[in-house]
C-alpha atoms as a PDB file:
ATOM      1  CA  MET A   1       0.035  -0.075  -0.208  1.00  0.00           C
ATOM      2  CA  ASN A   2       2.977   2.304   1.010  1.00  0.00           C
ATOM      3  CA  THR A   3       4.821   1.709  -2.469  1.00  0.00           C
ATOM      4  CA  ALA A   4       1.690   2.215  -4.313  1.00  0.00           C
ATOM      5  CA  LEU A   5       0.976   5.349  -2.895  1.00  0.00           C
ATOM      6  CA  THR A   6       4.490   6.561  -3.335  1.00  0.00           C
ATOM      7  CA  ILE A   7       4.842   5.609  -6.800  1.00  0.00           C
ATOM      8  CA  ILE A   8       1.161   7.728  -7.477  1.00  0.00           C
ATOM      9  CA  VAL A   9       2.458  10.516  -5.726  1.00  0.00           C
ATOM     10  CA  LEU A  10       5.863  10.707  -7.618  1.00  0.00           C
ATOM     11  CA  ALA A  11       3.859  10.127 -11.005  1.00  0.00           C
ATOM     12  CA  ILE A  12       1.460  13.162 -10.042  1.00  0.00           C
ATOM     13  CA  PHE A  13       4.683  15.520  -9.171  1.00  0.00           C
ATOM     14  CA  ILE A  14       6.262  14.529 -12.364  1.00  0.00           C
ATOM     15  CA  PHE A  15       3.159  15.431 -14.222  1.00  0.00           C
ATOM     16  CA  ILE A  16       3.308  18.811 -12.627  1.00  0.00           C
ATOM     17  CA  ILE A  17       6.616  19.520 -13.461  1.00  0.00           C
ATOM     18  CA  VAL A  18       6.405  18.327 -17.382  1.00  0.00           C
ATOM     19  CA  PHE A  19       2.996  20.379 -17.468  1.00  0.00           C
ATOM     20  CA  TYR A  20       5.270  23.370 -16.066  1.00  0.00           C
ATOM     21  CA  LEU A  21       8.021  23.192 -18.094  1.00  0.00           C
ATOM     22  CA  LYS A  22       5.606  22.770 -21.351  1.00  0.00           C
ATOM     23  CA  ARG A  23       3.846  25.887 -20.449  1.00  0.00           C
ATOM     24  CA  ALA A  24       7.150  27.774 -19.596  1.00  0.00           C
ATOM     25  CA  LYS A  25       8.357  26.788 -22.984  1.00  0.00           C
ATOM     26  CA  GLU A  26       4.969  28.099 -24.718  1.00  0.00           C
ATOM     27  CA  LYS A  27       5.184  31.269 -22.740  1.00  0.00           C
ATOM     28  CA  LYS A  28       8.791  32.225 -23.971  1.00  0.00           C
ATOM     29  CA  LYS A  29       8.125  31.098 -27.749  1.00  0.00           C
ATOM     30  CA  ALA A  30       5.111  33.596 -27.066  1.00  0.00           C
ATOM     31  CA  GLN A  31       7.514  36.165 -26.251  1.00  0.00           C
ATOM     32  CA  GLN A  32      10.097  35.629 -28.723  1.00  0.00           C
ATOM     33  CA  ASP A  33       7.457  35.906 -31.455  1.00  0.00           C
ATOM     34  CA  GLU A  34       6.004  39.241 -30.039  1.00  0.00           C
ATOM     35  CA  HIS A  35       9.648  40.375 -29.512  1.00  0.00           C
ATOM     36  CA  GLU A  36      10.219  39.890 -33.440  1.00  0.00           C
ATOM     37  CA  LYS A  37       7.018  41.531 -34.220  1.00  0.00           C
ATOM     38  CA  ILE A  38       7.886  44.662 -32.267  1.00  0.00           C
ATOM     39  CA  LYS A  39      11.339  44.656 -33.794  1.00  0.00           C
ATOM     40  CA  ALA A  40       9.966  44.341 -37.542  1.00  0.00           C
ATOM     41  CA  TYR A  41       7.621  47.375 -36.742  1.00  0.00           C
ATOM     42  CA  GLY A  42      10.498  49.413 -35.691  1.00  0.00           C
ATOM     43  CA  GLU A  43      12.487  48.721 -38.606  1.00  0.00           C
ATOM     44  CA  SER A  44       9.789  49.531 -40.848  1.00  0.00           C
ATOM     45  CA  ILE A  45       9.466  52.915 -38.888  1.00  0.00           C
ATOM     46  CA  ASN A  46      12.945  53.426 -39.169  1.00  0.00           C
ATOM     47  CA  GLU A  47      13.282  52.831 -42.989  1.00  0.00           C
ATOM     48  CA  GLU A  48      10.042  55.021 -43.658  1.00  0.00           C
ATOM     49  CA  THR A  49      12.086  57.824 -41.835  1.00  0.00           C
ATOM     50  CA  ARG A  50      15.130  57.113 -43.694  1.00  0.00           C
ATOM     51  CA  ASN A  51      13.397  57.748 -46.761  1.00  0.00           C
ATOM     52  CA  LYS A  52      11.787  60.578 -45.795  1.00  0.00           C
ATOM     53  CA  ASN A  53      14.751  62.616 -45.365  1.00  0.00           C
ATOM     54  CA  LYS A  54      16.552  61.648 -48.473  1.00  0.00           C
END
C-alpha cells in the first residue's frame, strides 16, 4: 500500500513538473514571437524615416 501511494505521488509530481515546463516553453516562444513583431515594426518605422529624409 505504501509503495503504491509513493508511486502515485511521484507520478503526479512528475506530471506537474512536465506540465509547468511545457507552459514555460510556450510562454517563452510567445514572448519571442512578440519581440520579433515589435522589432520588425520598429525597423519599418526606421526605414520610412530614412526614406523621408532623402
